[in-house]
Amino acid sequence: MIHEKKSEEEIAAENAAITARLQDYEKIEQIFVNITRRIMRENALLGRRMPIWKDGQVVWIVPKLEDLD
């Protein structure tokens, strides 16, 4: 793939757009929460164990659907 050379203004505009998106902490946190719920639901449906952090150590659990709602 050949990349076109970008002007400094284009690069600065792209960097500003990325920085602005990364500063929306609430949106980023909500995305992580939604992804975690989706993964936990999938693991619960398939009966797969998954690691969680509890009391300073990694513990493997099988999530339960009733705990996700």
C-alpha atoms as a PDB file:
ATOM      1  CA  MET A   1       0.000   0.000   0.000  1.00  0.00           C
ATOM      2  CA  ILE A   2       1.317   3.397  -0.952  1.00  0.00           C
ATOM      3  CA  HIS A   3       0.709   6.224   1.491  1.00  0.00           C
ATOM      4  CA  GLU A   4       0.318   9.771   0.301  1.00  0.00           C
ATOM      5  CA  LYS A   5       2.378  12.384   2.018  1.00  0.00           C
ATOM      6  CA  LYS A   6       0.202  14.515   4.254  1.00  0.00           C
ATOM      7  CA  SER A   7       0.741  18.136   5.009  1.00  0.00           C
ATOM      8  CA  GLU A   8       1.525  19.237   8.532  1.00  0.00           C
ATOM      9  CA  GLU A   9      -1.938  20.806   8.714  1.00  0.00           C
ATOM     10  CA  GLU A  10      -3.610  17.493   7.787  1.00  0.00           C
ATOM     11  CA  ILE A  11      -1.554  15.622  10.352  1.00  0.00           C
ATOM     12  CA  ALA A  12      -2.335  18.227  13.024  1.00  0.00           C
ATOM     13  CA  ALA A  13      -6.065  18.021  12.231  1.00  0.00           C
ATOM     14  CA  GLU A  14      -6.023  14.215  12.464  1.00  0.00           C
ATOM     15  CA  ASN A  15      -4.114  14.348  15.746  1.00  0.00           C
ATOM     16  CA  ALA A  16      -6.586  16.875  17.173  1.00  0.00           C
ATOM     17  CA  ALA A  17      -9.531  14.671  16.156  1.00  0.00           C
ATOM     18  CA  ILE A  18      -7.959  11.607  17.796  1.00  0.00           C
ATOM     19  CA  THR A  19      -7.151  13.576  20.955  1.00  0.00           C
ATOM     20  CA  ALA A  20     -10.727  14.870  21.154  1.00  0.00           C
ATOM     21  CA  ARG A  21     -12.153  11.348  20.897  1.00  0.00           C
ATOM     22  CA  LEU A  22      -9.792  10.056  23.581  1.00  0.00           C
ATOM     23  CA  GLN A  23     -10.867  12.813  25.977  1.00  0.00           C
ATOM     24  CA  ASP A  24     -14.481  11.618  26.025  1.00  0.00           C
ATOM     25  CA  TYR A  25     -13.869   9.435  29.080  1.00  0.00           C
ATOM     26  CA  GLU A  26     -17.532   8.676  29.761  1.00  0.00           C
ATOM     27  CA  LYS A  27     -18.064   7.360  26.243  1.00  0.00           C
ATOM     28  CA  ILE A  28     -14.895   5.253  26.408  1.00  0.00           C
ATOM     29  CA  GLU A  29     -15.927   3.817  29.785  1.00  0.00           C
ATOM     30  CA  GLN A  30     -19.405   2.970  28.454  1.00  0.00           C
ATOM     31  CA  ILE A  31     -17.840   1.189  25.469  1.00  0.00           C
ATOM     32  CA  PHE A  32     -15.693  -0.919  27.824  1.00  0.00           C
ATOM     33  CA  VAL A  33     -18.712  -1.736  29.996  1.00  0.00           C
ATOM     34  CA  ASN A  34     -20.736  -2.819  26.958  1.00  0.00           C
ATOM     35  CA  ILE A  35     -17.899  -4.968  25.614  1.00  0.00           C
ATOM     36  CA  THR A  36     -17.372  -6.609  29.009  1.00  0.00           C
ATOM     37  CA  ARG A  37     -21.077  -7.419  29.329  1.00  0.00           C
ATOM     38  CA  ARG A  38     -21.135  -8.888  25.822  1.00  0.00           C
ATOM     39  CA  ILE A  39     -18.111 -11.083  26.531  1.00  0.00           C
ATOM     40  CA  MET A  40     -19.503 -12.214  29.887  1.00  0.00           C
ATOM     41  CA  ARG A  41     -22.881 -13.039  28.295  1.00  0.00           C
ATOM     42  CA  GLU A  42     -21.189 -15.038  25.533  1.00  0.00           C
ATOM     43  CA  ASN A  43     -19.087 -16.963  28.061  1.00  0.00           C
ATOM     44  CA  ALA A  44     -22.162 -17.622  30.221  1.00  0.00           C
ATOM     45  CA  LEU A  45     -24.113 -18.984  27.246  1.00  0.00           C
ATOM     46  CA  LEU A  46     -21.225 -21.239  26.232  1.00  0.00           C
ATOM     47  CA  GLY A  47     -20.323 -22.284  29.790  1.00  0.00           C
ATOM     48  CA  ARG A  48     -16.781 -20.991  29.427  1.00  0.00           C
ATOM     49  CA  ARG A  49     -14.681 -19.834  32.331  1.00  0.00           C
ATOM     50  CA  MET A  50     -13.158 -16.389  32.303  1.00  0.00           C
ATOM     51  CA  PRO A  51     -10.622 -14.646  34.508  1.00  0.00           C
ATOM     52  CA  ILE A  52     -11.560 -11.807  36.841  1.00  0.00           C
ATOM     53  CA  TRP A  53      -9.561  -9.840  39.389  1.00  0.00           C
ATOM     54  CA  LYS A  54     -10.794 -10.438  42.936  1.00  0.00           C
ATOM     55  CA  ASP A  55      -9.121  -9.668  46.265  1.00  0.00           C
ATOM     56  CA  GLY A  56      -5.735  -9.035  44.663  1.00  0.00           C
ATOM     57  CA  GLN A  57      -5.575 -12.154  42.529  1.00  0.00           C
ATOM     58  CA  VAL A  58      -6.882 -13.682  39.330  1.00  0.00           C
ATOM     59  CA  VAL A  59      -9.879 -15.965  39.837  1.00  0.00           C
ATOM     60  CA  TRP A  60     -11.558 -18.065  37.127  1.00  0.00           C
ATOM     61  CA  ILE A  61     -15.357 -18.004  37.072  1.00  0.00           C
ATOM     62  CA  VAL A  62     -18.190 -19.167  34.846  1.00  0.00           C
ATOM     63  CA  PRO A  63     -20.472 -16.133  34.601  1.00  0.00           C
ATOM     64  CA  LYS A  64     -24.202 -16.651  35.138  1.00  0.00           C
ATOM     65  CA  LEU A  65     -26.780 -14.963  32.919  1.00  0.00           C
ATOM     66  CA  GLU A  66     -28.902 -13.864  35.881  1.00  0.00           C
ATOM     67  CA  ASP A  67     -25.923 -11.930  37.281  1.00  0.00           C
ATOM     68  CA  LEU A  68     -25.559  -9.900  34.079  1.00  0.00           C
ATOM     69  CA  ASP A  69     -28.920  -8.129  34.098  1.00  0.00           C
END
